[in-house]
Amino acid sequence: MAHHELTFPTDEAAVRALEAGDTVTIQGHIIGIRDATQIRIFDQGREPPMSLEGGALLHTAPNVRKLADGRYEPLSIGTTTSARMSRFTEPLIRDHGARAIMGKGGLLPEALGPLQEHGGVYLAIVGGAAALQTTQIVEIEQVEWEDLMPECLWRFRVCDFGPLIVAMDAHGRSLYEDVQAEARRRIDETLSAKI
């Protein structure tokens, strides 16, 4: 296992260098995205109003305050469970060039194939870390589709965002599947010892 510092947007080679179990700290920019945003893009056929190319996408619906000048101030930039958004993984990476998806709890196993084929990773965030994450957001630089508030498209400038765990990599490995396999092994071992 290794630690990596990546600046996003980035390229496919950078994420293919990551292995499940590695940790990552992000510099540069991340894009906030959530259910309503992805439904608009993929189910309603709307082109996103900002580029996702090379992006690190955070599953979030942040708590913000609108300032007098129209900008937004971050109050709490947390994350949400990712599994329900698994179906968007392939088109995000294949069609829009996203390179990392971030959230809690992992994507469903069917997301592993697209991550491997098109060069993407899932970076896990520890649940309940919104207070820390918010301090790592330097500025909210762009907000699109405000009618979806708070599930808009957000462009955040970040500094030392993380550390995040590479939970699903571009080589077909998932820490979630590893944990499930180990749990099954231990259950079988325990049950067979009682016979």
Protein backbone atom coordinates (compact mmCIF):
# COMPACT_ATOMS: atom_id res chain seq x y z
CA MET A 1 0.00 0.00 0.00
CA ALA A 2 1.14 3.49 -0.87
CA HIS A 3 0.01 7.06 -0.41
CA HIS A 4 -0.53 9.26 -3.46
CA GLU A 5 -1.08 12.99 -3.82
CA LEU A 6 -3.08 13.70 -6.97
CA THR A 7 -4.15 16.95 -8.56
CA PHE A 8 -7.50 16.81 -10.32
CA PRO A 9 -8.42 16.97 -13.12
CA THR A 10 -6.05 14.13 -13.97
CA ASP A 11 -5.56 11.48 -16.63
CA GLU A 12 -6.24 7.77 -16.95
CA ALA A 13 -2.62 6.78 -16.29
CA ALA A 14 -2.67 8.47 -12.87
CA VAL A 15 -5.68 6.50 -11.66
CA ARG A 16 -4.45 3.22 -13.17
CA ALA A 17 -1.36 3.63 -10.95
CA LEU A 18 -3.57 3.34 -7.86
CA GLU A 19 -4.12 -0.01 -6.12
CA ALA A 20 -6.93 -1.03 -3.80
CA GLY A 21 -5.82 -0.22 -0.26
CA ASP A 22 -3.72 2.80 -1.26
CA THR A 23 -4.58 6.19 0.16
CA VAL A 24 -5.00 9.44 -1.77
CA THR A 25 -4.94 13.13 -0.91
CA ILE A 26 -6.45 15.42 -3.53
CA GLN A 27 -5.34 18.89 -4.62
CA GLY A 28 -6.98 21.05 -7.26
CA HIS A 29 -10.67 20.59 -7.94
CA ILE A 30 -13.46 18.15 -7.21
CA ILE A 31 -16.98 18.18 -8.59
CA GLY A 32 -20.03 17.65 -6.42
CA ILE A 33 -22.70 15.50 -8.05
CA ARG A 34 -25.69 13.54 -6.81
CA ASP A 35 -28.81 11.60 -7.84
CA ALA A 36 -30.81 14.46 -9.36
CA THR A 37 -27.83 15.75 -11.33
CA GLN A 38 -27.06 12.36 -12.84
CA ILE A 39 -30.72 11.70 -13.62
CA ARG A 40 -30.78 14.99 -15.52
CA ILE A 41 -27.64 14.09 -17.47
CA PHE A 42 -28.34 10.44 -18.26
CA ASP A 43 -32.10 9.90 -18.00
CA GLN A 44 -33.15 13.29 -19.36
CA GLY A 45 -30.30 13.62 -21.88
CA ARG A 46 -28.95 17.02 -20.78
CA GLU A 47 -25.28 17.82 -21.38
CA PRO A 48 -23.56 18.86 -18.12
CA PRO A 49 -22.80 22.60 -18.06
CA MET A 50 -19.28 22.02 -16.76
CA SER A 51 -16.64 19.57 -17.91
CA LEU A 52 -16.29 16.31 -16.00
CA GLU A 53 -13.17 15.34 -17.99
CA GLY A 54 -10.45 14.02 -15.71
CA GLY A 55 -12.62 14.84 -12.73
CA ALA A 56 -12.95 13.53 -9.21
CA LEU A 57 -16.70 13.40 -8.50
CA LEU A 58 -18.00 13.64 -4.94
CA HIS A 59 -21.44 12.24 -4.10
CA THR A 60 -22.76 15.20 -2.11
CA ALA A 61 -25.67 17.55 -1.52
CA PRO A 62 -23.82 20.18 0.51
CA ASN A 63 -25.14 22.53 3.14
CA VAL A 64 -24.18 26.04 1.98
CA ARG A 65 -25.04 29.69 2.56
CA LYS A 66 -25.62 32.07 -0.35
CA LEU A 67 -23.73 35.33 0.10
CA ALA A 68 -24.84 38.81 -0.95
CA ASP A 69 -22.54 38.72 -3.99
CA GLY A 70 -24.18 35.50 -5.27
CA ARG A 71 -21.31 33.19 -4.28
CA TYR A 72 -21.79 30.27 -1.91
CA GLU A 73 -20.02 29.65 1.38
CA PRO A 74 -19.56 26.02 2.48
CA LEU A 75 -21.17 25.17 5.82
CA SER A 76 -20.99 21.37 5.69
CA ILE A 77 -19.72 19.47 2.68
CA GLY A 78 -20.43 15.86 3.54
CA THR A 79 -20.96 12.84 1.37
CA THR A 80 -23.67 10.28 0.82
CA THR A 81 -23.96 6.56 0.17
CA SER A 82 -22.88 5.75 -3.37
CA ALA A 83 -24.41 2.34 -4.13
CA ARG A 84 -27.70 3.70 -5.47
CA MET A 85 -25.76 5.72 -8.09
CA SER A 86 -23.77 2.75 -9.40
CA ARG A 87 -25.64 2.67 -12.71
CA PHE A 88 -24.09 6.01 -13.67
CA THR A 89 -20.49 4.79 -13.27
CA GLU A 90 -19.91 3.58 -16.81
CA PRO A 91 -21.30 6.60 -18.68
CA LEU A 92 -19.54 9.02 -16.31
CA ILE A 93 -16.17 7.45 -17.09
CA ARG A 94 -16.70 6.28 -20.67
CA ASP A 95 -18.63 9.26 -22.04
CA HIS A 96 -17.54 12.16 -19.83
CA GLY A 97 -13.99 11.15 -18.87
CA ALA A 98 -14.45 11.23 -15.09
CA ARG A 99 -11.56 9.45 -13.32
CA ALA A 100 -12.61 9.09 -9.67
CA ILE A 101 -15.89 8.73 -7.84
CA MET A 102 -15.95 9.48 -4.12
CA GLY A 103 -18.51 8.63 -1.49
CA LYS A 104 -19.48 6.29 1.34
CA GLY A 105 -20.02 2.56 1.27
CA GLY A 106 -18.80 1.74 -2.23
CA LEU A 107 -20.44 1.13 -5.56
CA LEU A 108 -22.23 -2.10 -6.42
CA PRO A 109 -20.03 -4.93 -7.77
CA GLU A 110 -21.20 -4.31 -11.35
CA ALA A 111 -19.29 -0.99 -11.30
CA LEU A 112 -15.95 -2.84 -11.17
CA GLY A 113 -16.05 -3.76 -14.88
CA PRO A 114 -16.49 -0.17 -16.12
CA LEU A 115 -13.84 1.11 -13.69
CA GLN A 116 -11.40 -1.45 -15.06
CA GLU A 117 -12.33 -1.06 -18.73
CA HIS A 118 -12.40 2.72 -18.89
CA GLY A 119 -9.87 3.64 -16.18
CA GLY A 120 -11.55 4.84 -13.02
CA VAL A 121 -11.42 4.36 -9.25
CA TYR A 122 -13.77 4.60 -6.31
CA LEU A 123 -12.31 6.53 -3.39
CA ALA A 124 -13.94 5.88 -0.03
CA ILE A 125 -14.54 8.63 2.50
CA VAL A 126 -15.01 7.83 6.16
CA GLY A 127 -18.63 8.50 7.10
CA GLY A 128 -19.13 11.34 9.56
CA ALA A 129 -16.08 13.27 8.37
CA ALA A 130 -18.00 16.23 6.93
CA ALA A 131 -16.56 18.68 9.47
CA LEU A 132 -13.02 17.80 8.36
CA GLN A 133 -13.90 17.68 4.65
CA THR A 134 -15.46 21.14 4.84
CA THR A 135 -12.16 22.61 6.12
CA GLN A 136 -10.47 21.16 3.02
CA ILE A 137 -12.80 23.05 0.65
CA VAL A 138 -11.00 26.30 -0.15
CA GLU A 139 -13.74 27.78 -2.32
CA ILE A 140 -16.94 26.95 -4.16
CA GLU A 141 -15.94 28.20 -7.59
CA GLN A 142 -18.94 27.26 -9.72
CA VAL A 143 -22.53 26.09 -9.23
CA GLU A 144 -24.73 24.89 -12.09
CA TRP A 145 -28.37 23.77 -12.23
CA GLU A 146 -29.32 25.67 -9.08
CA ASP A 147 -32.93 24.55 -9.57
CA LEU A 148 -31.76 21.15 -8.25
CA MET A 149 -30.45 22.70 -5.01
CA PRO A 150 -28.72 21.16 -3.11
CA GLU A 151 -28.15 18.41 -5.73
CA CYS A 152 -26.59 20.86 -8.20
CA LEU A 153 -23.30 20.46 -9.99
CA TRP A 154 -20.64 22.00 -7.74
CA ARG A 155 -17.03 22.84 -8.54
CA PHE A 156 -14.94 22.96 -5.37
CA ARG A 157 -11.32 24.07 -5.12
CA VAL A 158 -9.68 21.88 -2.50
CA CYS A 159 -6.43 21.64 -0.55
CA ASP A 160 -5.27 18.37 1.03
CA PHE A 161 -8.69 16.74 0.55
CA GLY A 162 -8.63 13.39 2.28
CA PRO A 163 -7.02 11.09 3.01
CA LEU A 164 -9.25 8.82 0.93
CA ILE A 165 -8.96 5.05 0.52
CA VAL A 166 -8.79 3.44 -2.91
CA ALA A 167 -11.63 1.00 -2.27
CA MET A 168 -12.26 -0.07 -5.90
CA ASP A 169 -9.43 0.19 -8.39
CA ALA A 170 -8.96 0.10 -12.17
CA HIS A 171 -7.58 -3.46 -11.97
CA GLY A 172 -10.85 -5.12 -10.91
CA ARG A 173 -10.14 -5.25 -7.18
CA SER A 174 -12.60 -4.16 -4.50
CA LEU A 175 -11.89 -3.92 -0.77
CA TYR A 176 -15.63 -4.45 -0.23
CA GLU A 177 -15.48 -7.80 -2.01
CA ASP A 178 -12.32 -8.71 -0.08
CA VAL A 179 -14.13 -8.04 3.22
CA GLN A 180 -17.15 -10.10 2.10
CA ALA A 181 -14.92 -13.01 1.08
CA GLU A 182 -13.07 -12.92 4.41
CA ALA A 183 -16.36 -12.76 6.33
CA ARG A 184 -17.69 -15.80 4.43
CA ARG A 185 -14.43 -17.67 5.11
CA ARG A 186 -14.64 -16.96 8.84
CA ILE A 187 -18.31 -17.96 9.02
CA ASP A 188 -17.57 -21.24 7.25
CA GLU A 189 -14.58 -21.85 9.54
CA THR A 190 -16.65 -21.13 12.65
CA LEU A 191 -19.55 -23.32 11.54
CA SER A 192 -17.31 -26.24 10.60
CA ALA A 193 -15.50 -26.04 13.98
CA LYS A 194 -18.82 -26.51 15.81
CA ILE A 195 -19.71 -29.71 13.97
